[in-house]
N, C-alpha and C. Protein backbone atom coordinates (compact mmCIF):
# COMPACT_ATOMS: atom_id res chain seq x y z
N MET A 1 25.30 99.65 115.24
CA MET A 1 25.31 100.85 114.42
C MET A 1 24.02 101.63 114.68
N LYS A 2 24.14 102.95 114.76
CA LYS A 2 22.99 103.80 115.07
C LYS A 2 22.42 104.42 113.81
N THR A 3 21.15 104.83 113.91
CA THR A 3 20.54 105.59 112.83
C THR A 3 21.02 107.04 112.93
N LYS A 4 20.81 107.79 111.88
CA LYS A 4 21.16 109.21 111.89
C LYS A 4 20.44 109.92 113.05
N GLY A 5 19.18 109.63 113.21
CA GLY A 5 18.39 110.23 114.30
C GLY A 5 18.92 109.88 115.68
N GLU A 6 19.36 108.64 115.85
CA GLU A 6 19.93 108.23 117.14
C GLU A 6 21.23 108.96 117.42
N ILE A 7 22.05 109.15 116.39
CA ILE A 7 23.30 109.90 116.56
C ILE A 7 22.99 111.36 116.91
N GLU A 8 22.05 111.96 116.21
CA GLU A 8 21.68 113.35 116.48
C GLU A 8 21.13 113.51 117.90
N ALA A 9 20.32 112.56 118.35
CA ALA A 9 19.78 112.62 119.72
C ALA A 9 20.90 112.46 120.74
N ALA A 10 21.85 111.56 120.48
CA ALA A 10 22.98 111.35 121.40
C ALA A 10 23.88 112.60 121.44
N LEU A 11 24.03 113.28 120.30
CA LEU A 11 24.79 114.53 120.28
C LEU A 11 24.11 115.58 121.15
N CYS A 12 22.80 115.70 121.04
CA CYS A 12 22.05 116.64 121.88
C CYS A 12 22.24 116.32 123.35
N ASP A 13 22.11 115.04 123.71
CA ASP A 13 22.29 114.63 125.10
C ASP A 13 23.69 114.96 125.60
N GLY A 14 24.70 114.63 124.80
CA GLY A 14 26.08 114.85 125.20
C GLY A 14 26.43 116.32 125.35
N ILE A 15 26.02 117.13 124.40
CA ILE A 15 26.30 118.58 124.45
C ILE A 15 25.49 119.22 125.58
N GLY A 16 24.26 118.80 125.75
CA GLY A 16 23.43 119.32 126.85
C GLY A 16 24.04 119.01 128.20
N ARG A 17 24.52 117.78 128.37
CA ARG A 17 25.18 117.38 129.61
C ARG A 17 26.47 118.18 129.83
N PHE A 18 27.24 118.37 128.74
CA PHE A 18 28.46 119.17 128.82
C PHE A 18 28.13 120.59 129.27
N GLN A 19 27.11 121.20 128.66
CA GLN A 19 26.73 122.56 129.03
C GLN A 19 26.36 122.63 130.51
N GLN A 20 25.61 121.65 130.97
CA GLN A 20 25.18 121.62 132.37
C GLN A 20 26.37 121.48 133.31
N GLU A 21 27.25 120.54 133.02
CA GLU A 21 28.36 120.24 133.92
C GLU A 21 29.51 121.25 133.81
N PHE A 22 29.85 121.65 132.59
CA PHE A 22 31.03 122.48 132.37
C PHE A 22 30.70 123.97 132.44
N MET A 23 29.56 124.36 131.90
CA MET A 23 29.20 125.77 131.85
C MET A 23 28.29 126.19 133.01
N GLY A 24 27.72 125.21 133.71
CA GLY A 24 26.93 125.55 134.89
C GLY A 24 25.42 125.56 134.67
N ARG A 25 25.00 125.52 133.42
CA ARG A 25 23.56 125.43 133.13
C ARG A 25 23.38 124.92 131.71
N GLY A 26 22.27 124.25 131.51
CA GLY A 26 21.98 123.71 130.19
C GLY A 26 21.25 124.71 129.34
N PRO A 27 21.18 124.45 128.04
CA PRO A 27 20.45 125.35 127.14
C PRO A 27 18.94 125.16 127.29
N LYS A 28 18.19 126.16 126.84
CA LYS A 28 16.72 126.04 126.85
C LYS A 28 16.26 125.13 125.72
N GLY A 29 17.03 125.10 124.64
CA GLY A 29 16.71 124.25 123.50
C GLY A 29 17.98 123.79 122.82
N ILE A 30 17.94 122.60 122.25
CA ILE A 30 19.12 122.08 121.57
C ILE A 30 18.69 121.18 120.41
N HIS A 31 19.34 121.36 119.28
CA HIS A 31 19.09 120.54 118.10
C HIS A 31 20.43 120.20 117.48
N SER A 32 20.54 119.01 116.93
CA SER A 32 21.78 118.65 116.24
C SER A 32 21.43 118.10 114.86
N TYR A 33 22.37 118.29 113.95
CA TYR A 33 22.18 117.88 112.57
C TYR A 33 23.45 117.20 112.09
N LEU A 34 23.32 116.00 111.61
CA LEU A 34 24.44 115.28 111.02
C LEU A 34 24.33 115.43 109.51
N ILE A 35 25.29 116.14 108.93
CA ILE A 35 25.28 116.41 107.49
C ILE A 35 26.61 115.91 106.93
N ASP A 36 26.58 114.74 106.32
CA ASP A 36 27.80 114.10 105.80
C ASP A 36 28.86 114.03 106.90
N ASP A 37 29.98 114.78 106.73
CA ASP A 37 31.06 114.71 107.73
C ASP A 37 31.03 115.91 108.69
N LEU A 38 29.85 116.55 108.82
CA LEU A 38 29.68 117.65 109.76
C LEU A 38 28.64 117.29 110.81
N ALA A 39 28.94 117.65 112.04
CA ALA A 39 27.96 117.56 113.12
C ALA A 39 27.72 119.00 113.58
N VAL A 40 26.51 119.49 113.37
CA VAL A 40 26.15 120.86 113.70
C VAL A 40 25.21 120.83 114.90
N VAL A 41 25.56 121.61 115.93
CA VAL A 41 24.74 121.65 117.14
C VAL A 41 24.30 123.10 117.35
N ARG A 42 22.99 123.29 117.48
CA ARG A 42 22.40 124.62 117.70
C ARG A 42 21.77 124.64 119.08
N LEU A 43 22.28 125.53 119.92
CA LEU A 43 21.78 125.65 121.29
C LEU A 43 21.08 127.00 121.43
N GLN A 44 19.95 126.99 122.10
CA GLN A 44 19.20 128.22 122.30
C GLN A 44 19.07 128.49 123.79
N GLY A 45 19.11 129.77 124.14
CA GLY A 45 18.96 130.16 125.54
C GLY A 45 20.13 129.73 126.40
N VAL A 46 21.35 130.01 125.96
CA VAL A 46 22.53 129.55 126.70
C VAL A 46 23.16 130.60 127.61
N LEU A 47 22.79 131.86 127.45
CA LEU A 47 23.43 132.90 128.26
C LEU A 47 22.97 132.83 129.70
N THR A 48 23.92 132.90 130.62
CA THR A 48 23.58 132.94 132.04
C THR A 48 23.10 134.35 132.39
N ALA A 49 22.48 134.51 133.54
CA ALA A 49 22.03 135.83 133.98
C ALA A 49 23.23 136.78 134.09
N ALA A 50 24.35 136.27 134.57
CA ALA A 50 25.56 137.11 134.70
C ALA A 50 26.06 137.55 133.33
N GLU A 51 26.02 136.65 132.35
CA GLU A 51 26.47 137.01 131.00
C GLU A 51 25.54 138.04 130.37
N GLN A 52 24.24 137.88 130.57
CA GLN A 52 23.28 138.84 130.03
C GLN A 52 23.51 140.22 130.67
N GLN A 53 23.76 140.23 131.97
CA GLN A 53 24.02 141.48 132.69
C GLN A 53 25.29 142.15 132.15
N LEU A 54 26.32 141.37 131.91
CA LEU A 54 27.59 141.87 131.38
C LEU A 54 27.37 142.53 130.02
N VAL A 55 26.66 141.83 129.15
CA VAL A 55 26.42 142.35 127.80
C VAL A 55 25.59 143.64 127.86
N GLU A 56 24.59 143.68 128.74
CA GLU A 56 23.72 144.85 128.84
C GLU A 56 24.37 146.03 129.52
N SER A 57 25.32 145.79 130.43
CA SER A 57 25.90 146.87 131.22
C SER A 57 27.09 147.56 130.55
N LEU A 58 27.70 146.91 129.57
CA LEU A 58 28.85 147.50 128.89
C LEU A 58 28.42 148.03 127.52
N PRO A 59 29.24 148.93 126.95
CA PRO A 59 28.94 149.35 125.57
C PRO A 59 28.84 148.11 124.67
N THR A 60 27.94 148.16 123.69
CA THR A 60 27.57 146.99 122.88
C THR A 60 28.76 146.16 122.41
N GLU A 61 29.69 146.76 121.70
CA GLU A 61 30.80 145.99 121.16
C GLU A 61 31.69 145.42 122.24
N LYS A 62 31.93 146.17 123.30
CA LYS A 62 32.82 145.70 124.37
C LYS A 62 32.22 144.50 125.09
N GLY A 63 30.95 144.58 125.45
CA GLY A 63 30.27 143.47 126.12
C GLY A 63 30.22 142.23 125.25
N ARG A 64 29.87 142.43 123.97
CA ARG A 64 29.79 141.31 123.03
C ARG A 64 31.15 140.64 122.87
N ASP A 65 32.19 141.46 122.63
CA ASP A 65 33.52 140.91 122.40
C ASP A 65 34.05 140.18 123.63
N LEU A 66 33.82 140.74 124.81
CA LEU A 66 34.29 140.11 126.04
C LEU A 66 33.62 138.75 126.26
N LEU A 67 32.31 138.71 126.07
CA LEU A 67 31.57 137.46 126.24
C LEU A 67 32.04 136.41 125.23
N LYS A 68 32.21 136.81 123.97
CA LYS A 68 32.67 135.87 122.95
C LYS A 68 34.06 135.35 123.27
N GLN A 69 34.96 136.21 123.75
CA GLN A 69 36.31 135.78 124.11
C GLN A 69 36.28 134.74 125.23
N VAL A 70 35.45 134.99 126.24
CA VAL A 70 35.33 134.05 127.37
C VAL A 70 34.78 132.71 126.89
N ARG A 71 33.73 132.74 126.08
CA ARG A 71 33.13 131.50 125.59
C ARG A 71 34.11 130.72 124.71
N ILE A 72 34.85 131.43 123.85
CA ILE A 72 35.84 130.76 123.00
C ILE A 72 36.89 130.07 123.87
N GLN A 73 37.35 130.76 124.90
CA GLN A 73 38.37 130.19 125.79
C GLN A 73 37.82 128.95 126.51
N LEU A 74 36.58 129.02 126.98
CA LEU A 74 35.97 127.88 127.66
C LEU A 74 35.84 126.67 126.73
N ILE A 75 35.40 126.92 125.49
CA ILE A 75 35.25 125.83 124.51
C ILE A 75 36.62 125.23 124.20
N GLU A 76 37.63 126.08 124.00
CA GLU A 76 38.98 125.57 123.69
C GLU A 76 39.53 124.76 124.85
N THR A 77 39.28 125.19 126.07
CA THR A 77 39.74 124.46 127.26
C THR A 77 39.06 123.09 127.34
N ALA A 78 37.80 123.06 126.98
CA ALA A 78 37.01 121.81 127.08
C ALA A 78 37.06 120.98 125.81
N ARG A 79 37.82 121.43 124.83
CA ARG A 79 37.85 120.75 123.53
C ARG A 79 38.11 119.24 123.62
N PRO A 80 39.09 118.79 124.42
CA PRO A 80 39.31 117.33 124.52
C PRO A 80 38.07 116.57 125.01
N ILE A 81 37.33 117.16 125.93
CA ILE A 81 36.11 116.53 126.45
C ILE A 81 35.08 116.41 125.33
N LEU A 82 34.90 117.51 124.58
CA LEU A 82 33.93 117.52 123.48
C LEU A 82 34.32 116.54 122.38
N GLU A 83 35.61 116.54 122.01
CA GLU A 83 36.07 115.64 120.94
C GLU A 83 35.90 114.18 121.34
N SER A 84 36.15 113.87 122.60
CA SER A 84 35.98 112.50 123.09
C SER A 84 34.51 112.09 123.02
N MET A 85 33.61 112.99 123.41
CA MET A 85 32.18 112.69 123.36
C MET A 85 31.71 112.49 121.92
N ILE A 86 32.19 113.33 121.00
CA ILE A 86 31.79 113.21 119.59
C ILE A 86 32.30 111.88 119.02
N LEU A 87 33.53 111.51 119.34
CA LEU A 87 34.09 110.23 118.89
C LEU A 87 33.26 109.06 119.42
N GLU A 88 32.89 109.14 120.69
CA GLU A 88 32.09 108.07 121.30
C GLU A 88 30.72 107.95 120.63
N VAL A 89 30.09 109.07 120.33
CA VAL A 89 28.75 109.06 119.73
C VAL A 89 28.78 108.66 118.26
N THR A 90 29.74 109.21 117.50
CA THR A 90 29.73 109.01 116.04
C THR A 90 30.66 107.89 115.58
N GLY A 91 31.65 107.55 116.41
CA GLY A 91 32.66 106.58 115.99
C GLY A 91 33.70 107.18 115.06
N VAL A 92 33.70 108.52 114.94
CA VAL A 92 34.61 109.21 114.02
C VAL A 92 35.34 110.32 114.77
N LYS A 93 36.61 110.47 114.43
CA LYS A 93 37.45 111.48 115.07
C LYS A 93 37.10 112.89 114.56
N VAL A 94 37.19 113.88 115.47
CA VAL A 94 36.96 115.28 115.12
C VAL A 94 38.23 115.85 114.49
N VAL A 95 38.05 116.52 113.35
CA VAL A 95 39.18 117.17 112.67
C VAL A 95 39.28 118.63 113.11
N SER A 96 38.13 119.31 113.18
CA SER A 96 38.13 120.70 113.64
C SER A 96 36.81 121.05 114.30
N LEU A 97 36.85 122.13 115.07
CA LEU A 97 35.69 122.60 115.82
C LEU A 97 35.53 124.09 115.54
N HIS A 98 34.32 124.50 115.25
CA HIS A 98 34.02 125.90 114.99
C HIS A 98 32.88 126.30 115.92
N HIS A 99 32.94 127.53 116.44
CA HIS A 99 32.00 127.94 117.48
C HIS A 99 31.68 129.42 117.35
N ASP A 100 30.42 129.77 117.59
CA ASP A 100 30.04 131.18 117.71
C ASP A 100 28.81 131.28 118.59
N ILE A 101 28.64 132.46 119.17
CA ILE A 101 27.49 132.72 120.04
C ILE A 101 26.95 134.11 119.73
N SER A 102 25.64 134.25 119.78
CA SER A 102 25.00 135.55 119.59
C SER A 102 24.65 136.11 120.96
N THR A 103 25.16 137.30 121.25
CA THR A 103 24.82 137.94 122.52
C THR A 103 23.45 138.59 122.45
N THR A 104 22.90 138.69 121.25
CA THR A 104 21.58 139.28 121.07
C THR A 104 20.48 138.24 121.32
N THR A 105 20.63 137.06 120.69
CA THR A 105 19.58 136.04 120.79
C THR A 105 19.88 134.95 121.82
N GLY A 106 21.13 134.86 122.29
CA GLY A 106 21.49 133.80 123.22
C GLY A 106 21.61 132.45 122.54
N GLU A 107 21.78 132.47 121.22
CA GLU A 107 21.93 131.23 120.46
C GLU A 107 23.42 130.94 120.24
N GLU A 108 23.76 129.67 120.35
CA GLU A 108 25.16 129.24 120.17
C GLU A 108 25.18 128.14 119.12
N ILE A 109 26.18 128.19 118.26
CA ILE A 109 26.35 127.18 117.21
C ILE A 109 27.72 126.54 117.39
N VAL A 110 27.77 125.23 117.37
CA VAL A 110 29.04 124.50 117.41
C VAL A 110 29.03 123.55 116.22
N VAL A 111 30.07 123.61 115.40
CA VAL A 111 30.19 122.75 114.23
C VAL A 111 31.44 121.91 114.39
N PHE A 112 31.28 120.61 114.28
CA PHE A 112 32.40 119.68 114.34
C PHE A 112 32.62 119.13 112.93
N THR A 113 33.83 119.30 112.41
CA THR A 113 34.18 118.66 111.15
C THR A 113 34.79 117.31 111.51
N LEU A 114 34.25 116.25 110.93
CA LEU A 114 34.68 114.89 111.25
C LEU A 114 35.64 114.38 110.18
N ALA A 115 36.44 113.39 110.53
CA ALA A 115 37.41 112.81 109.60
C ALA A 115 36.71 112.15 108.41
N GLU A 116 35.49 111.69 108.63
CA GLU A 116 34.68 111.08 107.58
C GLU A 116 33.23 111.07 108.02
N SER A 117 32.34 110.74 107.12
CA SER A 117 30.93 110.62 107.49
C SER A 117 30.75 109.40 108.38
N PRO A 118 30.02 109.54 109.49
CA PRO A 118 29.78 108.37 110.35
C PRO A 118 28.94 107.32 109.63
N LEU A 119 29.19 106.07 109.95
CA LEU A 119 28.37 105.01 109.40
C LEU A 119 27.03 105.03 110.12
N VAL A 120 25.96 104.99 109.35
CA VAL A 120 24.62 104.97 109.95
C VAL A 120 23.83 103.83 109.33
N ARG A 121 22.91 103.31 110.12
CA ARG A 121 22.03 102.29 109.57
C ARG A 121 20.72 102.95 109.18
N GLU A 122 20.10 102.38 108.20
CA GLU A 122 18.82 102.92 107.74
C GLU A 122 17.76 102.67 108.80
N LYS A 123 16.84 103.63 108.93
CA LYS A 123 15.74 103.48 109.84
C LYS A 123 14.80 102.40 109.32
N LYS A 124 14.33 101.56 110.23
CA LYS A 124 13.41 100.48 109.81
C LYS A 124 12.10 101.08 109.36
N LYS A 125 11.60 100.56 108.26
CA LYS A 125 10.30 101.03 107.76
C LYS A 125 9.21 100.40 108.60
N GLY A 126 8.29 101.26 109.08
CA GLY A 126 7.27 100.80 110.00
C GLY A 126 6.18 100.10 109.36
């Protein structure tokens, strides 16, 4: 059984690896938070140079909407991979996945709703 911190670190590793392999580059920063039956992952610096160019070259709403549509489609396509990784790390099945990205800051948020809170062991007191 893992500690909460170990689960959060494994989530960061798994999502970072997914970003690198599936999206073509990893984030500049990544943090994860296990809150009861939610796994929240915050990625910073995820936009590729091509995505930034797309957003900057089109009218604001059109560029933003197009990028968000592409990212949503990519996440939905990769959903089985992500759900399998979350199950492996937490030992709990994913019930739903929520995702958004900011074209302004390059920050991406992924929230996994789990079937239940993962079992965690208490951190040893030093």
